[in-house]
Amino acid sequence: CVSCHQPGGDGFEKSGLDLTSYEGVMKGTKHGVMVIPRDPDSSNLVWLLDWRGSPEVRMPHGKKKLSTCDRNAIRAWIREGAKNN
């Protein structure tokens, strides 16, 4: 994820999402927030990783979907408050 979503990366240039820091994740994109602490079902990050949108916005682009285990770990982190730990 970071290879695209870092300053200079394609994902950063298109969306503004910087995954190199906690602050960048919590800031979100130029389109809005990605993480709503304690609410993974309303968090755009989960929505994109679960491939709920059109193919153009599914993450990661051109690769297979993240494993259920990885997506559940992200959901759990958000559910627990998306803390900087």
C-alpha atoms as a PDB file:
ATOM      1  CA  CYS A   1       0.000   0.000   0.000  1.00  0.00           C
ATOM      2  CA  VAL A   2       2.749   2.424   0.983  1.00  0.00           C
ATOM      3  CA  SER A   3       4.564   2.080  -2.338  1.00  0.00           C
ATOM      4  CA  CYS A   4       1.686   3.923  -4.050  1.00  0.00           C
ATOM      5  CA  HIS A   5       0.343   5.945  -1.120  1.00  0.00           C
ATOM      6  CA  GLN A   6       3.401   7.980  -0.213  1.00  0.00           C
ATOM      7  CA  PRO A   7       4.530  11.400  -1.409  1.00  0.00           C
ATOM      8  CA  GLY A   8       5.500  10.992  -5.061  1.00  0.00           C
ATOM      9  CA  GLY A   9       3.545   7.744  -5.478  1.00  0.00           C
ATOM     10  CA  ASP A  10       0.678   7.362  -7.933  1.00  0.00           C
ATOM     11  CA  GLY A  11      -1.912   6.763  -5.211  1.00  0.00           C
ATOM     12  CA  PHE A  12      -0.768   9.818  -3.291  1.00  0.00           C
ATOM     13  CA  GLU A  13      -0.812  11.995  -6.391  1.00  0.00           C
ATOM     14  CA  LYS A  14      -4.336  10.883  -7.309  1.00  0.00           C
ATOM     15  CA  SER A  15      -5.949  10.822  -3.870  1.00  0.00           C
ATOM     16  CA  GLY A  16      -3.682  12.647  -1.450  1.00  0.00           C
ATOM     17  CA  LEU A  17      -3.606   9.619   0.868  1.00  0.00           C
ATOM     18  CA  ASP A  18      -0.254   9.277   2.636  1.00  0.00           C
ATOM     19  CA  LEU A  19       0.139   5.936   4.404  1.00  0.00           C
ATOM     20  CA  THR A  20       3.660   6.629   5.639  1.00  0.00           C
ATOM     21  CA  SER A  21       2.458   8.051   8.945  1.00  0.00           C
ATOM     22  CA  TYR A  22      -0.414   7.789  11.384  1.00  0.00           C
ATOM     23  CA  GLU A  23      -1.203  11.449  10.765  1.00  0.00           C
ATOM     24  CA  GLY A  24      -1.435  10.819   7.024  1.00  0.00           C
ATOM     25  CA  VAL A  25      -3.808   7.877   7.478  1.00  0.00           C
ATOM     26  CA  MET A  26      -6.036   9.860   9.815  1.00  0.00           C
ATOM     27  CA  LYS A  27      -5.994  12.944   7.566  1.00  0.00           C
ATOM     28  CA  GLY A  28      -7.454  10.882   4.730  1.00  0.00           C
ATOM     29  CA  THR A  29      -7.651  11.954   1.105  1.00  0.00           C
ATOM     30  CA  LYS A  30      -8.572  15.069  -0.785  1.00  0.00           C
ATOM     31  CA  HIS A  31     -12.017  13.441  -1.025  1.00  0.00           C
ATOM     32  CA  GLY A  32     -12.497  12.934   2.714  1.00  0.00           C
ATOM     33  CA  VAL A  33     -11.602  10.858   5.741  1.00  0.00           C
ATOM     34  CA  MET A  34     -10.620   7.214   5.352  1.00  0.00           C
ATOM     35  CA  VAL A  35     -10.900   6.026   8.949  1.00  0.00           C
ATOM     36  CA  ILE A  36     -13.731   6.665  11.381  1.00  0.00           C
ATOM     37  CA  PRO A  37     -12.443   5.447  14.749  1.00  0.00           C
ATOM     38  CA  ARG A  38     -14.672   2.765  16.299  1.00  0.00           C
ATOM     39  CA  ASP A  39     -16.719   2.434  13.098  1.00  0.00           C
ATOM     40  CA  PRO A  40     -15.050   0.179  10.514  1.00  0.00           C
ATOM     41  CA  ASP A  41     -18.281  -0.303   8.567  1.00  0.00           C
ATOM     42  CA  SER A  42     -18.454   3.439   7.847  1.00  0.00           C
ATOM     43  CA  SER A  43     -14.724   3.831   7.171  1.00  0.00           C
ATOM     44  CA  ASN A  44     -13.855   4.360   3.531  1.00  0.00           C
ATOM     45  CA  LEU A  45     -10.630   2.410   3.989  1.00  0.00           C
ATOM     46  CA  VAL A  46     -12.563  -0.780   4.755  1.00  0.00           C
ATOM     47  CA  TRP A  47     -15.015  -0.053   1.943  1.00  0.00           C
ATOM     48  CA  LEU A  48     -12.162   0.170  -0.581  1.00  0.00           C
ATOM     49  CA  LEU A  49     -10.289  -2.867   0.756  1.00  0.00           C
ATOM     50  CA  ASP A  50     -13.476  -4.967   0.717  1.00  0.00           C
ATOM     51  CA  TRP A  51     -13.942  -4.099  -2.967  1.00  0.00           C
ATOM     52  CA  ARG A  52     -17.406  -2.661  -2.420  1.00  0.00           C
ATOM     53  CA  GLY A  53     -16.907  -0.012  -5.085  1.00  0.00           C
ATOM     54  CA  SER A  54     -16.302  -0.080  -8.805  1.00  0.00           C
ATOM     55  CA  PRO A  55     -13.098  -1.682 -10.130  1.00  0.00           C
ATOM     56  CA  GLU A  56     -11.504   1.755 -10.589  1.00  0.00           C
ATOM     57  CA  VAL A  57     -11.489   2.414  -6.832  1.00  0.00           C
ATOM     58  CA  ARG A  58     -10.850  -1.055  -5.427  1.00  0.00           C
ATOM     59  CA  MET A  59      -7.621  -1.391  -3.506  1.00  0.00           C
ATOM     60  CA  PRO A  60      -5.035  -2.492  -4.261  1.00  0.00           C
ATOM     61  CA  HIS A  61      -5.239  -1.621  -7.954  1.00  0.00           C
ATOM     62  CA  GLY A  62      -4.263  -4.409 -10.312  1.00  0.00           C
ATOM     63  CA  LYS A  63      -3.603  -6.884  -7.532  1.00  0.00           C
ATOM     64  CA  LYS A  64      -5.629  -9.449  -5.669  1.00  0.00           C
ATOM     65  CA  LYS A  65      -7.758  -8.464  -2.707  1.00  0.00           C
ATOM     66  CA  LEU A  66      -6.047  -8.334   0.679  1.00  0.00           C
ATOM     67  CA  SER A  67      -6.537 -11.503   2.685  1.00  0.00           C
ATOM     68  CA  THR A  68      -9.508 -11.791   4.995  1.00  0.00           C
ATOM     69  CA  CYS A  69      -7.047 -11.962   7.889  1.00  0.00           C
ATOM     70  CA  ASP A  70      -5.406  -8.642   6.904  1.00  0.00           C
ATOM     71  CA  ARG A  71      -8.748  -6.944   6.340  1.00  0.00           C
ATOM     72  CA  ASN A  72     -10.035  -8.209   9.697  1.00  0.00           C
ATOM     73  CA  ALA A  73      -6.913  -6.849  11.410  1.00  0.00           C
ATOM     74  CA  ILE A  74      -7.574  -3.412   9.910  1.00  0.00           C
ATOM     75  CA  ARG A  75     -11.242  -3.641  10.949  1.00  0.00           C
ATOM     76  CA  ALA A  76     -10.225  -4.582  14.504  1.00  0.00           C
ATOM     77  CA  TRP A  77      -7.761  -1.659  14.688  1.00  0.00           C
ATOM     78  CA  ILE A  78     -10.505   0.755  13.615  1.00  0.00           C
ATOM     79  CA  ARG A  79     -13.086  -0.842  15.944  1.00  0.00           C
ATOM     80  CA  GLU A  80     -10.651  -0.441  18.862  1.00  0.00           C
ATOM     81  CA  GLY A  81     -10.378   3.291  18.181  1.00  0.00           C
ATOM     82  CA  ALA A  82      -7.715   3.505  15.435  1.00  0.00           C
ATOM     83  CA  LYS A  83      -5.084   4.375  18.006  1.00  0.00           C
ATOM     84  CA  ASN A  84      -1.551   5.452  17.194  1.00  0.00           C
ATOM     85  CA  ASN A  85       0.079   2.441  18.793  1.00  0.00           C
END
